[in-house]
Amino acid sequence: MNNEIKLFEGNQIRSIWDNEQEEWYFSVVDIVGALTDSKNPRDYWYRVKKRMTEEKSQLSTICRQLKCNF
């Protein structure tokens, strides 16, 4: 896997390229931070997941935290 930083409207988004699957994986926390301007995007994402669970809704995919060393 190849780690890389992408830029979205001036915000850094951590990403990983998976050679076997031939697709990019992006940090959800970084994307949430870029889209919401939240001061604590990790907490924001936690609360969204918690609300969805309480409402018996599901995310379309299982989103786990990526550990990137940049």
PDB file of N, CA and C in Angstrom:
ATOM      1  N   MET A   1       0.836  -1.182   0.000  1.00  0.00           N
ATOM      2  CA  MET A   1       0.000   0.000   0.000  1.00  0.00           C
ATOM      3  C   MET A   1       0.882   1.248   0.000  1.00  0.00           C
ATOM      4  N   ASN A   2       0.385   2.250  -0.665  1.00  0.00           N
ATOM      5  CA  ASN A   2       1.123   3.491  -0.822  1.00  0.00           C
ATOM      6  C   ASN A   2       0.358   4.626  -0.132  1.00  0.00           C
ATOM      7  N   ASN A   3       0.960   5.286   0.849  1.00  0.00           N
ATOM      8  CA  ASN A   3       0.328   6.386   1.582  1.00  0.00           C
ATOM      9  C   ASN A   3       0.573   7.702   0.854  1.00  0.00           C
ATOM     10  N   GLU A   4      -0.432   8.565   0.881  1.00  0.00           N
ATOM     11  CA  GLU A   4      -0.295   9.848   0.207  1.00  0.00           C
ATOM     12  C   GLU A   4      -1.256  10.856   0.836  1.00  0.00           C
ATOM     13  N   ILE A   5      -0.868  12.118   0.836  1.00  0.00           N
ATOM     14  CA  ILE A   5      -1.741  13.204   1.299  1.00  0.00           C
ATOM     15  C   ILE A   5      -2.393  13.831   0.078  1.00  0.00           C
ATOM     16  N   LYS A   6      -3.710  13.961   0.112  1.00  0.00           N
ATOM     17  CA  LYS A   6      -4.444  14.649  -0.949  1.00  0.00           C
ATOM     18  C   LYS A   6      -4.924  15.980  -0.380  1.00  0.00           C
ATOM     19  N   LEU A   7      -5.145  16.944  -1.228  1.00  0.00           N
ATOM     20  CA  LEU A   7      -5.673  18.240  -0.799  1.00  0.00           C
ATOM     21  C   LEU A   7      -7.091  18.407  -1.322  1.00  0.00           C
ATOM     22  N   PHE A   8      -7.988  18.881  -0.445  1.00  0.00           N
ATOM     23  CA  PHE A   8      -9.355  19.198  -0.818  1.00  0.00           C
ATOM     24  C   PHE A   8      -9.683  20.555  -0.212  1.00  0.00           C
ATOM     25  N   GLU A   9      -9.840  21.544  -1.044  1.00  0.00           N
ATOM     26  CA  GLU A   9     -10.130  22.909  -0.603  1.00  0.00           C
ATOM     27  C   GLU A   9      -9.195  23.348   0.523  1.00  0.00           C
ATOM     28  N   GLY A  10      -7.908  23.042   0.370  1.00  0.00           N
ATOM     29  CA  GLY A  10      -6.890  23.456   1.324  1.00  0.00           C
ATOM     30  C   GLY A  10      -6.753  22.553   2.545  1.00  0.00           C
ATOM     31  N   ASN A  11      -7.547  21.509   2.632  1.00  0.00           N
ATOM     32  CA  ASN A  11      -7.481  20.574   3.762  1.00  0.00           C
ATOM     33  C   ASN A  11      -6.723  19.315   3.349  1.00  0.00           C
ATOM     34  N   GLN A  12      -5.888  18.825   4.238  1.00  0.00           N
ATOM     35  CA  GLN A  12      -5.147  17.599   3.970  1.00  0.00           C
ATOM     36  C   GLN A  12      -6.022  16.389   4.274  1.00  0.00           C
ATOM     37  N   ILE A  13      -6.096  15.461   3.305  1.00  0.00           N
ATOM     38  CA  ILE A  13      -6.860  14.231   3.451  1.00  0.00           C
ATOM     39  C   ILE A  13      -5.879  13.067   3.312  1.00  0.00           C
ATOM     40  N   ARG A  14      -5.766  12.265   4.369  1.00  0.00           N
ATOM     41  CA  ARG A  14      -4.889  11.097   4.301  1.00  0.00           C
ATOM     42  C   ARG A  14      -5.517  10.037   3.403  1.00  0.00           C
ATOM     43  N   SER A  15      -4.689   9.394   2.588  1.00  0.00           N
ATOM     44  CA  SER A  15      -5.188   8.363   1.683  1.00  0.00           C
ATOM     45  C   SER A  15      -4.172   7.240   1.555  1.00  0.00           C
ATOM     46  N   ILE A  16      -4.684   6.091   1.188  1.00  0.00           N
ATOM     47  CA  ILE A  16      -3.849   4.903   0.980  1.00  0.00           C
ATOM     48  C   ILE A  16      -4.286   4.247  -0.320  1.00  0.00           C
ATOM     49  N   TRP A  17      -3.338   3.912  -1.178  1.00  0.00           N
ATOM     50  CA  TRP A  17      -3.611   3.186  -2.415  1.00  0.00           C
ATOM     51  C   TRP A  17      -3.385   1.702  -2.157  1.00  0.00           C
ATOM     52  N   ASP A  18      -4.383   0.886  -2.456  1.00  0.00           N
ATOM     53  CA  ASP A  18      -4.283  -0.565  -2.312  1.00  0.00           C
ATOM     54  C   ASP A  18      -4.015  -1.154  -3.689  1.00  0.00           C
ATOM     55  N   ASN A  19      -2.798  -1.664  -3.885  1.00  0.00           N
ATOM     56  CA  ASN A  19      -2.416  -2.217  -5.185  1.00  0.00           C
ATOM     57  C   ASN A  19      -3.249  -3.430  -5.579  1.00  0.00           C
ATOM     58  N   GLU A  20      -3.588  -4.280  -4.622  1.00  0.00           N
ATOM     59  CA  GLU A  20      -4.359  -5.489  -4.930  1.00  0.00           C
ATOM     60  C   GLU A  20      -5.773  -5.154  -5.378  1.00  0.00           C
ATOM     61  N   GLN A  21      -6.443  -4.233  -4.663  1.00  0.00           N
ATOM     62  CA  GLN A  21      -7.817  -3.850  -5.005  1.00  0.00           C
ATOM     63  C   GLN A  21      -7.863  -2.762  -6.079  1.00  0.00           C
ATOM     64  N   GLU A  22      -6.707  -2.126  -6.314  1.00  0.00           N
ATOM     65  CA  GLU A  22      -6.591  -1.023  -7.259  1.00  0.00           C
ATOM     66  C   GLU A  22      -7.612   0.076  -6.966  1.00  0.00           C
ATOM     67  N   GLU A  23      -7.601   0.535  -5.696  1.00  0.00           N
ATOM     68  CA  GLU A  23      -8.486   1.628  -5.305  1.00  0.00           C
ATOM     69  C   GLU A  23      -7.896   2.397  -4.138  1.00  0.00           C
ATOM     70  N   TRP A  24      -8.352   3.648  -4.004  1.00  0.00           N
ATOM     71  CA  TRP A  24      -7.917   4.515  -2.932  1.00  0.00           C
ATOM     72  C   TRP A  24      -8.824   4.344  -1.727  1.00  0.00           C
ATOM     73  N   TYR A  25      -8.260   4.479  -0.537  1.00  0.00           N
ATOM     74  CA  TYR A  25      -9.006   4.550   0.713  1.00  0.00           C
ATOM     75  C   TYR A  25      -8.668   5.900   1.338  1.00  0.00           C
ATOM     76  N   PHE A  26      -9.687   6.596   1.832  1.00  0.00           N
ATOM     77  CA  PHE A  26      -9.499   7.928   2.386  1.00  0.00           C
ATOM     78  C   PHE A  26      -9.907   7.956   3.847  1.00  0.00           C
ATOM     79  N   SER A  27      -9.287   8.824   4.609  1.00  0.00           N
ATOM     80  CA  SER A  27      -9.607   8.993   6.023  1.00  0.00           C
ATOM     81  C   SER A  27     -10.957   9.698   6.161  1.00  0.00           C
ATOM     82  N   VAL A  28     -11.935   8.995   6.733  1.00  0.00           N
ATOM     83  CA  VAL A  28     -13.257   9.572   6.938  1.00  0.00           C
ATOM     84  C   VAL A  28     -13.165  10.774   7.870  1.00  0.00           C
ATOM     85  N   VAL A  29     -12.353  10.672   8.906  1.00  0.00           N
ATOM     86  CA  VAL A  29     -12.216  11.775   9.858  1.00  0.00           C
ATOM     87  C   VAL A  29     -11.684  13.020   9.149  1.00  0.00           C
ATOM     88  N   ASP A  30     -10.716  12.860   8.265  1.00  0.00           N
ATOM     89  CA  ASP A  30     -10.180  14.008   7.522  1.00  0.00           C
ATOM     90  C   ASP A  30     -11.244  14.607   6.607  1.00  0.00           C
ATOM     91  N   ILE A  31     -12.043  13.770   5.970  1.00  0.00           N
ATOM     92  CA  ILE A  31     -13.102  14.249   5.080  1.00  0.00           C
ATOM     93  C   ILE A  31     -14.177  14.975   5.881  1.00  0.00           C
ATOM     94  N   VAL A  32     -14.575  14.410   7.022  1.00  0.00           N
ATOM     95  CA  VAL A  32     -15.563  15.066   7.884  1.00  0.00           C
ATOM     96  C   VAL A  32     -15.048  16.434   8.312  1.00  0.00           C
ATOM     97  N   GLY A  33     -13.785  16.503   8.680  1.00  0.00           N
ATOM     98  CA  GLY A  33     -13.199  17.788   9.076  1.00  0.00           C
ATOM     99  C   GLY A  33     -13.222  18.803   7.950  1.00  0.00           C
ATOM    100  N   ALA A  34     -12.937  18.356   6.731  1.00  0.00           N
ATOM    101  CA  ALA A  34     -12.916  19.266   5.583  1.00  0.00           C
ATOM    102  C   ALA A  34     -14.320  19.752   5.224  1.00  0.00           C
ATOM    103  N   LEU A  35     -15.308  18.889   5.348  1.00  0.00           N
ATOM    104  CA  LEU A  35     -16.665  19.252   4.950  1.00  0.00           C
ATOM    105  C   LEU A  35     -17.440  20.028   6.009  1.00  0.00           C
ATOM    106  N   THR A  36     -17.108  19.825   7.281  1.00  0.00           N
ATOM    107  CA  THR A  36     -17.895  20.441   8.356  1.00  0.00           C
ATOM    108  C   THR A  36     -17.184  21.595   9.050  1.00  0.00           C
ATOM    109  N   ASP A  37     -15.899  21.753   8.826  1.00  0.00           N
ATOM    110  CA  ASP A  37     -15.093  22.740   9.545  1.00  0.00           C
ATOM    111  C   ASP A  37     -15.166  22.527  11.054  1.00  0.00           C
ATOM    112  N   SER A  38     -15.405  21.275  11.467  1.00  0.00           N
ATOM    113  CA  SER A  38     -15.471  20.935  12.888  1.00  0.00           C
ATOM    114  C   SER A  38     -14.098  21.091  13.525  1.00  0.00           C
ATOM    115  N   LYS A  39     -14.069  21.585  14.765  1.00  0.00           N
ATOM    116  CA  LYS A  39     -12.802  21.705  15.483  1.00  0.00           C
ATOM    117  C   LYS A  39     -12.317  20.337  15.965  1.00  0.00           C
ATOM    118  N   ASN A  40     -13.241  19.378  16.089  1.00  0.00           N
ATOM    119  CA  ASN A  40     -12.884  18.019  16.504  1.00  0.00           C
ATOM    120  C   ASN A  40     -13.620  17.023  15.611  1.00  0.00           C
ATOM    121  N   PRO A  41     -13.118  16.787  14.382  1.00  0.00           N
ATOM    122  CA  PRO A  41     -13.827  15.913  13.447  1.00  0.00           C
ATOM    123  C   PRO A  41     -13.948  14.468  13.930  1.00  0.00           C
ATOM    124  N   ARG A  42     -13.007  13.998  14.735  1.00  0.00           N
ATOM    125  CA  ARG A  42     -13.086  12.630  15.261  1.00  0.00           C
ATOM    126  C   ARG A  42     -14.318  12.492  16.160  1.00  0.00           C
ATOM    127  N   ASP A  43     -14.551  13.499  17.007  1.00  0.00           N
ATOM    128  CA  ASP A  43     -15.723  13.494  17.887  1.00  0.00           C
ATOM    129  C   ASP A  43     -17.006  13.637  17.064  1.00  0.00           C
ATOM    130  N   TYR A  44     -16.989  14.498  16.058  1.00  0.00           N
ATOM    131  CA  TYR A  44     -18.143  14.691  15.182  1.00  0.00           C
ATOM    132  C   TYR A  44     -18.523  13.365  14.531  1.00  0.00           C
ATOM    133  N   TRP A  45     -17.546  12.652  13.977  1.00  0.00           N
ATOM    134  CA  TRP A  45     -17.787  11.367  13.314  1.00  0.00           C
ATOM    135  C   TRP A  45     -18.309  10.337  14.311  1.00  0.00           C
ATOM    136  N   TYR A  46     -17.766  10.313  15.523  1.00  0.00           N
ATOM    137  CA  TYR A  46     -18.232   9.400  16.574  1.00  0.00           C
ATOM    138  C   TYR A  46     -19.712   9.640  16.868  1.00  0.00           C
ATOM    139  N   ARG A  47     -20.093  10.908  16.992  1.00  0.00           N
ATOM    140  CA  ARG A  47     -21.489  11.242  17.301  1.00  0.00           C
ATOM    141  C   ARG A  47     -22.432  10.868  16.153  1.00  0.00           C
ATOM    142  N   VAL A  48     -21.995  11.058  14.918  1.00  0.00           N
ATOM    143  CA  VAL A  48     -22.816  10.659  13.764  1.00  0.00           C
ATOM    144  C   VAL A  48     -23.049   9.148  13.795  1.00  0.00           C
ATOM    145  N   LYS A  49     -21.974   8.379  13.995  1.00  0.00           N
ATOM    146  CA  LYS A  49     -22.129   6.911  14.046  1.00  0.00           C
ATOM    147  C   LYS A  49     -23.038   6.490  15.191  1.00  0.00           C
ATOM    148  N   LYS A  50     -22.902   7.151  16.348  1.00  0.00           N
ATOM    149  CA  LYS A  50     -23.716   6.819  17.510  1.00  0.00           C
ATOM    150  C   LYS A  50     -25.192   7.104  17.235  1.00  0.00           C
ATOM    151  N   ARG A  51     -25.496   8.263  16.659  1.00  0.00           N
ATOM    152  CA  ARG A  51     -26.882   8.606  16.325  1.00  0.00           C
ATOM    153  C   ARG A  51     -27.481   7.606  15.344  1.00  0.00           C
ATOM    154  N   MET A  52     -26.702   7.224  14.353  1.00  0.00           N
ATOM    155  CA  MET A  52     -27.206   6.277  13.358  1.00  0.00           C
ATOM    156  C   MET A  52     -27.501   4.925  13.997  1.00  0.00           C
ATOM    157  N   THR A  53     -26.671   4.493  14.930  1.00  0.00           N
ATOM    158  CA  THR A  53     -26.904   3.234  15.629  1.00  0.00           C
ATOM    159  C   THR A  53     -28.172   3.325  16.470  1.00  0.00           C
ATOM    160  N   GLU A  54     -28.345   4.439  17.170  1.00  0.00           N
ATOM    161  CA  GLU A  54     -29.536   4.635  18.003  1.00  0.00           C
ATOM    162  C   GLU A  54     -30.808   4.667  17.166  1.00  0.00           C
ATOM    163  N   GLU A  55     -30.720   5.152  15.938  1.00  0.00           N
ATOM    164  CA  GLU A  55     -31.871   5.219  15.042  1.00  0.00           C
ATOM    165  C   GLU A  55     -32.070   3.915  14.288  1.00  0.00           C
ATOM    166  N   LYS A  56     -31.248   2.929  14.588  1.00  0.00           N
ATOM    167  CA  LYS A  56     -31.282   1.628  13.901  1.00  0.00           C
ATOM    168  C   LYS A  56     -30.937   1.766  12.419  1.00  0.00           C
ATOM    169  N   SER A  57     -30.195   2.800  12.082  1.00  0.00           N
ATOM    170  CA  SER A  57     -29.699   2.987  10.715  1.00  0.00           C
ATOM    171  C   SER A  57     -28.303   2.391  10.634  1.00  0.00           C
ATOM    172  N   GLN A  58     -27.859   2.125   9.443  1.00  0.00           N
ATOM    173  CA  GLN A  58     -26.511   1.601   9.264  1.00  0.00           C
ATOM    174  C   GLN A  58     -25.775   2.441   8.234  1.00  0.00           C
ATOM    175  N   LEU A  59     -24.477   2.523   8.422  1.00  0.00           N
ATOM    176  CA  LEU A  59     -23.643   3.134   7.404  1.00  0.00           C
ATOM    177  C   LEU A  59     -23.562   2.152   6.243  1.00  0.00           C
ATOM    178  N   SER A  60     -23.324   2.652   5.045  1.00  0.00           N
ATOM    179  CA  SER A  60     -23.278   1.763   3.895  1.00  0.00           C
ATOM    180  C   SER A  60     -22.074   0.826   3.935  1.00  0.00           C
ATOM    181  N   THR A  61     -21.040   1.218   4.648  1.00  0.00           N
ATOM    182  CA  THR A  61     -19.868   0.365   4.817  1.00  0.00           C
ATOM    183  C   THR A  61     -19.408   0.447   6.264  1.00  0.00           C
ATOM    184  N   ILE A  62     -18.628  -0.516   6.663  1.00  0.00           N
ATOM    185  CA  ILE A  62     -18.018  -0.467   7.989  1.00  0.00           C
ATOM    186  C   ILE A  62     -16.803   0.433   7.878  1.00  0.00           C
ATOM    187  N   CYS A  63     -16.811   1.526   8.594  1.00  0.00           N
ATOM    188  CA  CYS A  63     -15.723   2.506   8.515  1.00  0.00           C
ATOM    189  C   CYS A  63     -14.882   2.421   9.777  1.00  0.00           C
ATOM    190  N   ARG A  64     -13.697   1.937   9.653  1.00  0.00           N
ATOM    191  CA  ARG A  64     -12.778   1.864  10.774  1.00  0.00           C
ATOM    192  C   ARG A  64     -11.705   2.925  10.595  1.00  0.00           C
ATOM    193  N   GLN A  65     -11.095   3.279  11.700  1.00  0.00           N
ATOM    194  CA  GLN A  65     -10.058   4.309  11.654  1.00  0.00           C
ATOM    195  C   GLN A  65      -8.797   3.748  11.004  1.00  0.00           C
ATOM    196  N   LEU A  66      -8.278   4.472  10.011  1.00  0.00           N
ATOM    197  CA  LEU A  66      -7.013   4.098   9.384  1.00  0.00           C
ATOM    198  C   LEU A  66      -5.877   4.668  10.195  1.00  0.00           C
ATOM    199  N   LYS A  67      -4.825   3.915  10.332  1.00  0.00           N
ATOM    200  CA  LYS A  67      -3.640   4.405  11.016  1.00  0.00           C
ATOM    201  C   LYS A  67      -2.598   4.718   9.950  1.00  0.00           C
ATOM    202  N   CYS A  68      -2.403   5.992   9.722  1.00  0.00           N
ATOM    203  CA  CYS A  68      -1.431   6.437   8.715  1.00  0.00           C
ATOM    204  C   CYS A  68      -0.271   7.113   9.432  1.00  0.00           C
ATOM    205  N   ASN A  69       0.897   6.795   9.015  1.00  0.00           N
ATOM    206  CA  ASN A  69       2.084   7.416   9.589  1.00  0.00           C
ATOM    207  C   ASN A  69       2.665   8.382   8.564  1.00  0.00           C
ATOM    208  N   PHE A  70       2.257   9.626   8.649  1.00  0.00           N
ATOM    209  CA  PHE A  70       2.771  10.659   7.735  1.00  0.00           C
ATOM    210  C   PHE A  70       3.603  11.614   8.525  1.00  0.00           C
TER     211      PHE A  70
END
